[in-house]
N, C-alpha and C. Protein backbone atom coordinates (compact mmCIF):
# COMPACT_ATOMS: atom_id res chain seq x y z
N MET A 1 0.84 -1.18 0.00
CA MET A 1 0.00 0.00 0.00
C MET A 1 0.89 1.24 0.00
N ASN A 2 0.49 2.21 -0.81
CA ASN A 2 1.16 3.50 -0.86
C ASN A 2 0.31 4.50 -0.09
N SER A 3 0.95 5.26 0.79
CA SER A 3 0.24 6.26 1.57
C SER A 3 0.35 7.61 0.88
N TYR A 4 -0.77 8.32 0.81
CA TYR A 4 -0.81 9.64 0.18
C TYR A 4 -1.24 10.66 1.21
N LYS A 5 -0.51 11.77 1.26
CA LYS A 5 -0.89 12.88 2.12
C LYS A 5 -1.68 13.85 1.26
N LEU A 6 -2.91 14.14 1.67
CA LEU A 6 -3.79 15.04 0.95
C LEU A 6 -3.77 16.40 1.64
N LEU A 7 -4.43 17.37 1.06
CA LEU A 7 -4.53 18.68 1.69
C LEU A 7 -5.22 18.59 3.04
N PHE A 8 -4.93 19.55 3.90
CA PHE A 8 -5.58 19.71 5.21
C PHE A 8 -5.37 18.49 6.11
N ASP A 9 -4.19 17.86 5.98
CA ASP A 9 -3.75 16.78 6.87
C ASP A 9 -4.52 15.47 6.74
N TRP A 10 -5.25 15.27 5.65
CA TRP A 10 -5.89 13.98 5.40
C TRP A 10 -4.85 13.03 4.82
N GLN A 11 -4.99 11.74 5.12
CA GLN A 11 -4.13 10.71 4.55
C GLN A 11 -4.98 9.53 4.12
N ILE A 12 -4.53 8.86 3.05
CA ILE A 12 -5.20 7.65 2.58
C ILE A 12 -4.13 6.73 1.98
N SER A 13 -4.36 5.45 2.07
CA SER A 13 -3.44 4.47 1.48
C SER A 13 -4.14 3.77 0.32
N MET A 14 -3.41 3.61 -0.77
CA MET A 14 -3.94 2.96 -1.97
C MET A 14 -3.05 1.74 -2.29
N PRO A 15 -3.64 0.73 -2.92
CA PRO A 15 -2.84 -0.44 -3.30
C PRO A 15 -1.66 -0.04 -4.21
N ASP A 16 -0.61 -0.85 -4.17
CA ASP A 16 0.61 -0.55 -4.92
C ASP A 16 0.39 -0.38 -6.42
N ASN A 17 -0.57 -1.11 -6.99
CA ASN A 17 -0.76 -1.06 -8.45
C ASN A 17 -1.68 0.08 -8.90
N TRP A 18 -1.97 1.03 -7.99
CA TRP A 18 -2.82 2.16 -8.32
C TRP A 18 -1.97 3.38 -8.67
N GLN A 19 -2.51 4.20 -9.53
CA GLN A 19 -1.89 5.47 -9.89
C GLN A 19 -2.62 6.58 -9.14
N GLY A 20 -1.93 7.67 -8.87
CA GLY A 20 -2.56 8.80 -8.20
C GLY A 20 -2.06 10.10 -8.79
N GLU A 21 -2.96 11.07 -8.88
CA GLU A 21 -2.58 12.38 -9.38
C GLU A 21 -3.46 13.44 -8.73
N TYR A 22 -2.96 14.67 -8.74
CA TYR A 22 -3.71 15.80 -8.19
C TYR A 22 -4.07 16.72 -9.34
N ASP A 23 -5.36 17.03 -9.47
CA ASP A 23 -5.84 17.95 -10.50
C ASP A 23 -6.02 19.32 -9.84
N LYS A 24 -5.07 20.23 -10.10
CA LYS A 24 -5.12 21.56 -9.47
C LYS A 24 -6.37 22.32 -9.83
N GLU A 25 -6.84 22.17 -11.07
CA GLU A 25 -8.00 22.92 -11.53
C GLU A 25 -9.26 22.57 -10.73
N SER A 26 -9.48 21.27 -10.48
CA SER A 26 -10.68 20.85 -9.76
C SER A 26 -10.44 20.69 -8.26
N GLY A 27 -9.17 20.65 -7.84
CA GLY A 27 -8.85 20.42 -6.44
C GLY A 27 -9.03 18.97 -6.02
N GLN A 28 -9.14 18.07 -7.00
CA GLN A 28 -9.39 16.65 -6.71
C GLN A 28 -8.11 15.82 -6.79
N TYR A 29 -8.05 14.86 -5.90
CA TYR A 29 -7.06 13.79 -6.01
C TYR A 29 -7.77 12.67 -6.74
N ILE A 30 -7.12 12.12 -7.75
CA ILE A 30 -7.73 11.07 -8.58
C ILE A 30 -6.85 9.83 -8.50
N PHE A 31 -7.47 8.71 -8.13
CA PHE A 31 -6.77 7.44 -7.99
C PHE A 31 -7.45 6.39 -8.85
N TYR A 32 -6.64 5.51 -9.45
CA TYR A 32 -7.20 4.47 -10.29
C TYR A 32 -6.20 3.32 -10.41
N PRO A 33 -6.71 2.08 -10.45
CA PRO A 33 -5.83 0.94 -10.64
C PRO A 33 -5.46 0.79 -12.12
N ASN A 34 -4.34 0.16 -12.37
CA ASN A 34 -3.95 -0.14 -13.75
C ASN A 34 -4.96 -1.11 -14.36
N ASN A 35 -5.21 -1.00 -15.63
CA ASN A 35 -6.08 -1.92 -16.38
C ASN A 35 -7.50 -2.01 -15.83
N SER A 36 -8.08 -0.87 -15.47
CA SER A 36 -9.44 -0.85 -14.96
C SER A 36 -10.04 0.52 -15.25
N ASP A 37 -11.36 0.57 -15.30
CA ASP A 37 -12.03 1.86 -15.47
C ASP A 37 -12.44 2.46 -14.13
N LEU A 38 -12.13 1.80 -13.03
CA LEU A 38 -12.45 2.28 -11.70
C LEU A 38 -11.69 3.58 -11.42
N THR A 39 -12.38 4.55 -10.84
CA THR A 39 -11.75 5.82 -10.46
C THR A 39 -12.30 6.27 -9.12
N ILE A 40 -11.39 6.70 -8.26
CA ILE A 40 -11.77 7.30 -6.97
C ILE A 40 -11.34 8.75 -7.02
N ARG A 41 -12.30 9.65 -6.75
CA ARG A 41 -12.03 11.08 -6.73
C ARG A 41 -12.23 11.58 -5.30
N ILE A 42 -11.22 12.30 -4.80
CA ILE A 42 -11.25 12.78 -3.42
C ILE A 42 -11.01 14.29 -3.41
N THR A 43 -11.90 15.01 -2.74
CA THR A 43 -11.75 16.46 -2.64
C THR A 43 -11.85 16.87 -1.17
N PRO A 44 -10.75 17.40 -0.62
CA PRO A 44 -10.79 17.90 0.76
C PRO A 44 -11.17 19.39 0.77
N PHE A 45 -11.95 19.78 1.77
CA PHE A 45 -12.35 21.18 1.95
C PHE A 45 -12.07 21.59 3.39
N HIS A 46 -11.72 22.84 3.55
CA HIS A 46 -11.57 23.44 4.88
C HIS A 46 -12.25 24.80 4.81
N ALA A 47 -13.11 25.11 5.78
CA ALA A 47 -13.85 26.37 5.76
C ALA A 47 -13.83 27.05 7.12
N GLU A 48 -13.33 28.27 7.10
CA GLU A 48 -13.35 29.09 8.31
C GLU A 48 -13.40 30.55 7.90
N ARG A 49 -13.88 31.36 8.82
CA ARG A 49 -13.93 32.80 8.59
C ARG A 49 -13.42 33.48 9.85
N GLU A 50 -12.40 34.31 9.69
CA GLU A 50 -11.80 35.04 10.81
C GLU A 50 -11.44 34.09 11.95
N GLY A 51 -10.90 32.92 11.60
CA GLY A 51 -10.46 31.96 12.59
C GLY A 51 -11.55 31.08 13.18
N MET A 52 -12.78 31.30 12.77
CA MET A 52 -13.90 30.48 13.27
C MET A 52 -14.24 29.42 12.23
N LEU A 53 -14.24 28.15 12.66
CA LEU A 53 -14.58 27.06 11.75
C LEU A 53 -16.06 27.10 11.38
N ALA A 54 -16.35 26.78 10.14
CA ALA A 54 -17.74 26.68 9.71
C ALA A 54 -18.42 25.57 10.54
N PRO A 55 -19.67 25.77 10.94
CA PRO A 55 -20.36 24.74 11.74
C PRO A 55 -20.46 23.40 10.99
N ARG A 56 -20.52 22.32 11.77
CA ARG A 56 -20.64 20.98 11.19
C ARG A 56 -21.82 20.91 10.24
N GLU A 57 -22.94 21.51 10.62
CA GLU A 57 -24.15 21.45 9.79
C GLU A 57 -23.92 22.09 8.43
N VAL A 58 -23.13 23.15 8.39
CA VAL A 58 -22.81 23.82 7.11
C VAL A 58 -21.99 22.88 6.23
N MET A 59 -21.02 22.19 6.83
CA MET A 59 -20.17 21.27 6.07
C MET A 59 -20.99 20.07 5.58
N GLU A 60 -21.89 19.58 6.42
CA GLU A 60 -22.76 18.47 6.02
C GLU A 60 -23.64 18.90 4.84
N ASP A 61 -24.22 20.08 4.94
CA ASP A 61 -25.08 20.58 3.87
C ASP A 61 -24.29 20.79 2.58
N ALA A 62 -23.06 21.29 2.71
CA ALA A 62 -22.21 21.49 1.52
C ALA A 62 -21.97 20.15 0.82
N TYR A 63 -21.74 19.10 1.60
CA TYR A 63 -21.54 17.78 1.01
C TYR A 63 -22.82 17.28 0.33
N ILE A 64 -23.93 17.33 1.05
CA ILE A 64 -25.19 16.80 0.52
C ILE A 64 -25.57 17.49 -0.79
N ARG A 65 -25.27 18.79 -0.91
CA ARG A 65 -25.60 19.51 -2.14
C ARG A 65 -24.79 19.03 -3.34
N THR A 66 -23.69 18.30 -3.11
CA THR A 66 -22.89 17.77 -4.23
C THR A 66 -23.39 16.41 -4.70
N VAL A 67 -24.27 15.78 -3.93
CA VAL A 67 -24.78 14.45 -4.26
C VAL A 67 -26.01 14.60 -5.16
N PRO A 68 -26.04 13.92 -6.30
CA PRO A 68 -27.22 14.02 -7.18
C PRO A 68 -28.50 13.59 -6.46
N VAL A 69 -29.61 14.24 -6.81
CA VAL A 69 -30.88 13.90 -6.16
C VAL A 69 -31.31 12.47 -6.47
N SER A 70 -30.79 11.89 -7.54
CA SER A 70 -31.14 10.51 -7.89
C SER A 70 -30.45 9.48 -7.00
N ALA A 71 -29.41 9.89 -6.26
CA ALA A 71 -28.67 8.96 -5.40
C ALA A 71 -29.48 8.58 -4.17
N ARG A 72 -29.31 7.34 -3.73
CA ARG A 72 -30.00 6.82 -2.53
C ARG A 72 -29.01 6.70 -1.38
N GLN A 73 -29.44 7.16 -0.19
CA GLN A 73 -28.58 7.00 0.98
C GLN A 73 -28.54 5.54 1.37
N ARG A 74 -27.40 5.09 1.86
CA ARG A 74 -27.28 3.72 2.34
C ARG A 74 -26.52 3.70 3.66
N ASN A 75 -26.44 2.52 4.28
CA ASN A 75 -25.80 2.40 5.58
C ASN A 75 -24.28 2.42 5.44
N LEU A 76 -23.64 3.06 6.40
CA LEU A 76 -22.18 3.06 6.47
C LEU A 76 -21.71 1.73 7.03
N ASP A 77 -20.67 1.18 6.45
CA ASP A 77 -20.14 -0.08 6.97
C ASP A 77 -18.62 -0.06 6.97
N PHE A 78 -18.04 1.10 7.27
CA PHE A 78 -16.59 1.20 7.37
C PHE A 78 -16.23 2.24 8.42
N CYS A 79 -14.94 2.34 8.73
CA CYS A 79 -14.46 3.22 9.81
C CYS A 79 -14.64 4.69 9.45
N ILE A 80 -14.94 5.48 10.47
CA ILE A 80 -15.06 6.92 10.33
C ILE A 80 -14.00 7.54 11.25
N PRO A 81 -13.18 8.46 10.72
CA PRO A 81 -12.17 9.09 11.59
C PRO A 81 -12.80 9.74 12.82
N SER A 82 -12.10 9.67 13.91
CA SER A 82 -12.59 10.21 15.18
C SER A 82 -12.93 11.69 15.03
N GLY A 83 -14.08 12.08 15.57
CA GLY A 83 -14.50 13.47 15.53
C GLY A 83 -15.29 13.84 14.28
N PHE A 84 -15.50 12.88 13.40
CA PHE A 84 -16.21 13.14 12.15
C PHE A 84 -17.51 12.35 12.09
N GLU A 85 -18.41 12.84 11.28
CA GLU A 85 -19.61 12.11 10.91
C GLU A 85 -19.49 11.82 9.43
N ALA A 86 -20.31 10.90 8.92
CA ALA A 86 -20.22 10.56 7.51
C ALA A 86 -21.57 10.14 6.98
N LYS A 87 -21.74 10.33 5.68
CA LYS A 87 -22.92 9.84 4.97
C LYS A 87 -22.44 9.22 3.67
N ILE A 88 -23.19 8.21 3.22
CA ILE A 88 -22.84 7.52 1.99
C ILE A 88 -24.10 7.37 1.13
N TYR A 89 -23.93 7.58 -0.15
CA TYR A 89 -25.02 7.47 -1.12
C TYR A 89 -24.53 6.62 -2.29
N GLU A 90 -25.47 6.04 -3.03
CA GLU A 90 -25.11 5.31 -4.24
C GLU A 90 -26.07 5.70 -5.36
N ASP A 91 -25.56 5.56 -6.57
CA ASP A 91 -26.34 5.94 -7.74
C ASP A 91 -25.91 5.05 -8.91
N VAL A 92 -26.79 4.92 -9.88
CA VAL A 92 -26.47 4.20 -11.11
C VAL A 92 -26.75 5.17 -12.26
N LEU A 93 -25.73 5.42 -13.06
CA LEU A 93 -25.84 6.35 -14.18
C LEU A 93 -25.67 5.59 -15.48
N THR A 94 -26.18 6.15 -16.55
CA THR A 94 -25.95 5.60 -17.88
C THR A 94 -25.29 6.67 -18.72
N LYS A 95 -24.13 6.33 -19.29
CA LYS A 95 -23.40 7.28 -20.13
C LYS A 95 -22.87 6.53 -21.34
N ASP A 96 -23.20 7.01 -22.51
CA ASP A 96 -22.78 6.36 -23.75
C ASP A 96 -23.13 4.88 -23.74
N SER A 97 -24.33 4.56 -23.32
CA SER A 97 -24.88 3.20 -23.19
C SER A 97 -24.09 2.31 -22.24
N ASN A 98 -23.27 2.89 -21.36
CA ASN A 98 -22.58 2.15 -20.31
C ASN A 98 -23.24 2.43 -18.97
N THR A 99 -23.37 1.40 -18.15
CA THR A 99 -23.88 1.57 -16.80
C THR A 99 -22.70 1.87 -15.88
N ILE A 100 -22.84 2.95 -15.11
CA ILE A 100 -21.78 3.36 -14.20
C ILE A 100 -22.35 3.38 -12.79
N TYR A 101 -21.68 2.69 -11.90
CA TYR A 101 -22.05 2.66 -10.49
C TYR A 101 -21.21 3.70 -9.76
N VAL A 102 -21.87 4.54 -8.99
CA VAL A 102 -21.16 5.60 -8.27
C VAL A 102 -21.55 5.54 -6.80
N VAL A 103 -20.55 5.60 -5.94
CA VAL A 103 -20.77 5.69 -4.50
C VAL A 103 -20.16 7.02 -4.05
N TYR A 104 -20.95 7.81 -3.35
CA TYR A 104 -20.51 9.10 -2.83
C TYR A 104 -20.39 8.99 -1.32
N VAL A 105 -19.26 9.43 -0.78
CA VAL A 105 -19.03 9.39 0.67
C VAL A 105 -18.56 10.77 1.11
N GLY A 106 -19.10 11.25 2.20
CA GLY A 106 -18.66 12.52 2.77
C GLY A 106 -18.37 12.37 4.25
N TYR A 107 -17.17 12.80 4.64
CA TYR A 107 -16.77 12.86 6.05
C TYR A 107 -16.78 14.34 6.42
N TYR A 108 -17.43 14.72 7.50
CA TYR A 108 -17.51 16.13 7.82
C TYR A 108 -17.49 16.36 9.33
N SER A 109 -16.98 17.53 9.69
CA SER A 109 -16.98 18.04 11.06
C SER A 109 -16.90 19.55 10.94
N ALA A 110 -16.80 20.25 12.04
CA ALA A 110 -16.70 21.71 11.98
C ALA A 110 -15.51 22.12 11.12
N GLY A 111 -15.78 22.84 10.05
CA GLY A 111 -14.73 23.37 9.19
C GLY A 111 -14.07 22.38 8.25
N GLU A 112 -14.43 21.12 8.30
CA GLU A 112 -13.76 20.09 7.50
C GLU A 112 -14.77 19.25 6.72
N LEU A 113 -14.40 18.93 5.48
CA LEU A 113 -15.18 18.03 4.65
C LEU A 113 -14.24 17.29 3.73
N LEU A 114 -14.37 15.98 3.68
CA LEU A 114 -13.66 15.15 2.71
C LEU A 114 -14.73 14.47 1.88
N SER A 115 -14.80 14.86 0.61
CA SER A 115 -15.81 14.34 -0.31
C SER A 115 -15.14 13.32 -1.23
N ILE A 116 -15.73 12.13 -1.31
CA ILE A 116 -15.15 11.03 -2.09
C ILE A 116 -16.22 10.46 -3.00
N SER A 117 -15.82 10.14 -4.23
CA SER A 117 -16.73 9.41 -5.12
C SER A 117 -15.96 8.28 -5.78
N VAL A 118 -16.61 7.13 -5.86
CA VAL A 118 -16.03 5.93 -6.47
C VAL A 118 -16.87 5.62 -7.70
N TRP A 119 -16.23 5.61 -8.88
CA TRP A 119 -16.90 5.40 -10.16
C TRP A 119 -16.41 4.10 -10.78
N SER A 120 -17.34 3.24 -11.24
CA SER A 120 -16.93 1.99 -11.87
C SER A 120 -18.06 1.42 -12.72
N THR A 121 -17.70 0.74 -13.79
CA THR A 121 -18.70 0.03 -14.58
C THR A 121 -18.94 -1.37 -14.02
N ASN A 122 -18.13 -1.78 -13.05
CA ASN A 122 -18.26 -3.07 -12.40
C ASN A 122 -18.63 -2.82 -10.93
N LYS A 123 -19.88 -3.11 -10.57
CA LYS A 123 -20.37 -2.80 -9.22
C LYS A 123 -19.53 -3.49 -8.14
N ASP A 124 -19.19 -4.77 -8.34
CA ASP A 124 -18.40 -5.49 -7.34
C ASP A 124 -17.03 -4.85 -7.15
N GLU A 125 -16.41 -4.45 -8.24
CA GLU A 125 -15.09 -3.81 -8.16
C GLU A 125 -15.20 -2.48 -7.40
N GLY A 126 -16.26 -1.72 -7.67
CA GLY A 126 -16.47 -0.47 -6.97
C GLY A 126 -16.69 -0.67 -5.48
N GLU A 127 -17.49 -1.67 -5.14
CA GLU A 127 -17.75 -1.98 -3.73
C GLU A 127 -16.46 -2.41 -3.02
N GLN A 128 -15.65 -3.21 -3.69
CA GLN A 128 -14.39 -3.66 -3.09
C GLN A 128 -13.44 -2.48 -2.89
N ALA A 129 -13.47 -1.52 -3.81
CA ALA A 129 -12.60 -0.35 -3.70
C ALA A 129 -12.93 0.48 -2.47
N LEU A 130 -14.16 0.39 -1.98
CA LEU A 130 -14.53 1.14 -0.78
C LEU A 130 -13.69 0.74 0.43
N ASN A 131 -13.05 -0.43 0.38
CA ASN A 131 -12.19 -0.85 1.50
C ASN A 131 -11.06 0.12 1.77
N VAL A 132 -10.61 0.87 0.74
CA VAL A 132 -9.53 1.83 0.98
C VAL A 132 -9.98 2.94 1.93
N LEU A 133 -11.30 3.13 2.06
CA LEU A 133 -11.78 4.17 2.95
C LEU A 133 -11.43 3.87 4.41
N ASN A 134 -11.19 2.59 4.72
CA ASN A 134 -10.77 2.22 6.08
C ASN A 134 -9.37 2.72 6.40
N THR A 135 -8.62 3.19 5.39
CA THR A 135 -7.26 3.68 5.61
C THR A 135 -7.22 5.19 5.79
N ILE A 136 -8.35 5.87 5.68
CA ILE A 136 -8.38 7.34 5.80
C ILE A 136 -8.06 7.76 7.23
N ARG A 137 -7.18 8.74 7.33
CA ARG A 137 -6.79 9.29 8.64
C ARG A 137 -6.79 10.80 8.55
N LYS A 138 -7.08 11.42 9.67
CA LYS A 138 -7.02 12.89 9.77
C LYS A 138 -6.15 13.22 10.95
């Protein structure tokens, strides 16, 4: 496993055969295994004004507004970093006659949000990729 340090002191570990890059334009970290269409997109946010952290509810709402209305909330079944809450949603999209399974995960607390989406045309592969979320540290 390769460990990656993300913005705002977040860390995640990815399997050795995965590639990782940072897209400055979108602020996203993008991870993907070799020889697969699976993609994990991670965007960290930090919000404060005059030294005061944005309330947890504001960060939660900011995350929820990024999730498509067609997505369904589901139960969390992985570790959540201490001091954070999380929500997970799933959706099925069709693009160019391909079915794409997407899982959206948001970890949030006062002033902090880590937004993650897992995209795959293979539902089982996407679900298995969610195991990397157990390596997230703050």
